[in-house]
């Protein structure tokens, strides 16, 4: 009986403060009494994070200074959750050659990945891909919104 109880306690060490009743039952009927104890159960709080896109200038893959704070914020979120994996999706606007845009979009994703790695994020948690034209294409004055890297949380 002590061995079974010891395993249950060992499995629950480090959990939250809320006790949950657990009943330990002997495997041999009528030889050992049934004893009820309360052990804590861990419940992870539901957290919502928003990883907004990083934007670029026309034809460029350099990170704009005005996007550094956003990248630093994303890095902090990734540091706080060491199990979160991200796919970085590079996008380009419809302006220019499709093949060139695909290359540019990939370079943008790679630049963001490299930046995050310099902040201490493990490269194995980050993957990159690209689209020659942004999936949700904007037009006119909002064309600038197509030149971005999206952050997709992977399961």
Protein backbone atom coordinates (compact mmCIF):
# COMPACT_ATOMS: atom_id res chain seq x y z
CA UNK A 1 0.00 0.00 0.00
CA UNK A 2 2.80 2.41 0.85
CA UNK A 3 4.44 1.75 -2.51
CA UNK A 4 1.25 2.59 -4.46
CA UNK A 5 0.69 5.72 -2.37
CA UNK A 6 4.32 6.72 -2.85
CA UNK A 7 3.92 6.56 -6.65
CA UNK A 8 0.76 8.65 -6.55
CA UNK A 9 2.43 11.31 -4.41
CA UNK A 10 5.55 11.27 -6.57
CA UNK A 11 3.49 11.75 -9.72
CA UNK A 12 1.72 14.77 -8.25
CA UNK A 13 4.75 16.65 -6.84
CA UNK A 14 5.04 20.18 -8.18
CA UNK A 15 1.37 20.63 -9.02
CA UNK A 16 -0.94 23.51 -8.17
CA UNK A 17 -2.53 24.23 -4.80
CA UNK A 18 -6.05 22.97 -5.44
CA UNK A 19 -6.55 19.52 -3.85
CA UNK A 20 -8.37 16.77 -5.67
CA UNK A 21 -9.58 13.64 -3.88
CA UNK A 22 -7.84 10.47 -4.96
CA UNK A 23 -8.82 7.03 -3.71
CA UNK A 24 -6.18 4.38 -3.48
CA UNK A 25 -7.58 0.86 -3.56
CA UNK A 26 -5.76 -2.28 -2.56
CA UNK A 27 -5.22 -4.86 -5.28
CA UNK A 28 -5.98 -7.61 -2.76
CA UNK A 29 -9.67 -7.45 -1.74
CA UNK A 30 -10.50 -7.17 1.98
CA UNK A 31 -6.90 -7.38 3.14
CA UNK A 32 -6.08 -3.69 3.17
CA UNK A 33 -8.30 -0.78 4.03
CA UNK A 34 -9.26 1.78 1.41
CA UNK A 35 -7.78 5.14 2.17
CA UNK A 36 -8.77 8.46 0.61
CA UNK A 37 -6.30 11.31 0.34
CA UNK A 38 -6.32 14.65 -1.42
CA UNK A 39 -3.56 15.57 -3.84
CA UNK A 40 -3.21 18.75 -5.91
CA UNK A 41 -3.83 18.75 -9.66
CA UNK A 42 -2.13 21.18 -11.99
CA UNK A 43 -4.32 23.25 -14.26
CA UNK A 44 -2.56 25.37 -16.84
CA UNK A 45 -4.15 28.76 -17.35
CA UNK A 46 -5.46 29.50 -20.82
CA UNK A 47 -3.28 32.18 -22.35
CA UNK A 48 -3.91 33.93 -25.64
CA UNK A 49 -0.98 35.51 -27.43
CA UNK A 50 -0.98 37.52 -30.59
CA UNK A 51 2.02 37.22 -32.86
CA UNK A 52 1.46 40.02 -35.33
CA UNK A 53 3.26 40.09 -38.70
CA UNK A 54 6.55 41.86 -39.28
CA UNK A 55 6.42 44.25 -42.24
CA UNK A 56 9.05 45.14 -44.86
CA UNK A 57 9.69 47.84 -47.42
CA UNK A 58 9.16 47.21 -51.14
CA UNK A 59 11.85 44.92 -52.56
CA UNK A 60 13.72 44.62 -49.23
CA UNK A 61 14.39 41.86 -46.74
CA UNK A 62 16.10 44.01 -44.10
CA UNK A 63 14.23 44.35 -40.82
CA UNK A 64 12.91 47.88 -40.39
CA UNK A 65 13.84 49.64 -37.15
CA UNK A 66 10.15 50.19 -36.42
CA UNK A 67 9.64 46.40 -36.37
CA UNK A 68 12.35 45.60 -33.79
CA UNK A 69 10.05 46.12 -30.78
CA UNK A 70 7.54 43.71 -32.27
CA UNK A 71 10.23 41.08 -32.86
CA UNK A 72 11.54 41.54 -29.32
CA UNK A 73 8.02 41.07 -27.98
CA UNK A 74 7.61 37.88 -30.03
CA UNK A 75 10.98 36.62 -28.79
CA UNK A 76 9.89 37.19 -25.18
CA UNK A 77 6.72 35.16 -25.79
CA UNK A 78 8.77 32.34 -27.29
CA UNK A 79 11.22 32.42 -24.39
CA UNK A 80 8.32 32.24 -21.91
CA UNK A 81 6.93 29.17 -23.70
CA UNK A 82 9.85 26.89 -24.58
CA UNK A 83 7.53 24.35 -26.24
CA UNK A 84 5.95 26.78 -28.72
CA UNK A 85 7.00 26.12 -32.31
CA UNK A 86 6.54 28.72 -35.02
CA UNK A 87 6.38 28.63 -38.79
CA UNK A 88 7.54 31.91 -40.29
CA UNK A 89 5.73 32.56 -43.57
CA UNK A 90 7.36 35.12 -45.83
CA UNK A 91 5.06 37.07 -48.15
CA UNK A 92 5.55 39.51 -50.98
CA UNK A 93 3.29 41.95 -52.78
CA UNK A 94 2.02 41.35 -56.29
CA UNK A 95 4.40 43.94 -57.68
CA UNK A 96 7.30 42.49 -59.68
CA UNK A 97 8.25 39.06 -60.98
CA UNK A 98 6.63 36.05 -59.27
CA UNK A 99 9.92 34.11 -59.04
CA UNK A 100 11.76 37.12 -57.59
CA UNK A 101 8.93 37.69 -55.12
CA UNK A 102 9.08 34.06 -53.96
CA UNK A 103 12.82 34.46 -53.31
CA UNK A 104 12.29 37.78 -51.54
CA UNK A 105 9.54 36.30 -49.38
CA UNK A 106 11.84 33.42 -48.36
CA UNK A 107 14.67 35.84 -47.55
CA UNK A 108 12.29 37.81 -45.32
CA UNK A 109 11.29 34.66 -43.42
CA UNK A 110 14.95 33.66 -43.05
CA UNK A 111 15.94 37.11 -41.76
CA UNK A 112 13.21 36.98 -39.10
CA UNK A 113 14.27 33.46 -38.11
CA UNK A 114 17.91 34.51 -37.79
CA UNK A 115 16.93 37.52 -35.69
CA UNK A 116 14.90 35.34 -33.30
CA UNK A 117 17.82 32.91 -33.02
CA UNK A 118 20.06 35.79 -31.90
CA UNK A 119 17.62 36.46 -29.04
CA UNK A 120 18.10 32.92 -27.73
CA UNK A 121 15.32 31.01 -29.46
CA UNK A 122 16.37 27.49 -30.50
CA UNK A 123 16.51 27.23 -34.30
CA UNK A 124 14.74 23.86 -34.11
CA UNK A 125 11.57 25.62 -32.95
CA UNK A 126 11.42 27.81 -36.05
CA UNK A 127 10.62 26.78 -39.62
CA UNK A 128 10.29 28.98 -42.67
CA UNK A 129 8.30 28.95 -45.86
CA UNK A 130 7.25 31.55 -48.39
CA UNK A 131 4.60 32.63 -50.82
CA UNK A 132 5.32 34.61 -53.96
CA UNK A 133 2.17 36.61 -53.33
CA UNK A 134 0.57 37.15 -49.93
CA UNK A 135 -2.31 34.81 -49.14
CA UNK A 136 -4.68 37.57 -48.08
CA UNK A 137 -3.70 40.03 -50.76
CA UNK A 138 -4.27 43.73 -50.18
CA UNK A 139 -4.44 46.22 -53.01
CA UNK A 140 -4.01 49.93 -53.59
CA UNK A 141 -2.82 51.94 -50.60
CA UNK A 142 -2.74 48.79 -48.46
CA UNK A 143 -0.29 46.94 -50.74
CA UNK A 144 2.39 47.55 -48.10
CA UNK A 145 0.56 45.05 -45.85
CA UNK A 146 1.44 42.25 -48.28
CA UNK A 147 5.18 42.66 -47.61
CA UNK A 148 5.37 40.74 -44.36
CA UNK A 149 6.33 37.65 -42.41
CA UNK A 150 3.44 35.91 -40.65
CA UNK A 151 3.89 33.92 -37.44
CA UNK A 152 1.97 30.63 -37.38
CA UNK A 153 1.92 28.65 -34.12
CA UNK A 154 2.44 24.99 -34.92
CA UNK A 155 0.68 22.18 -33.04
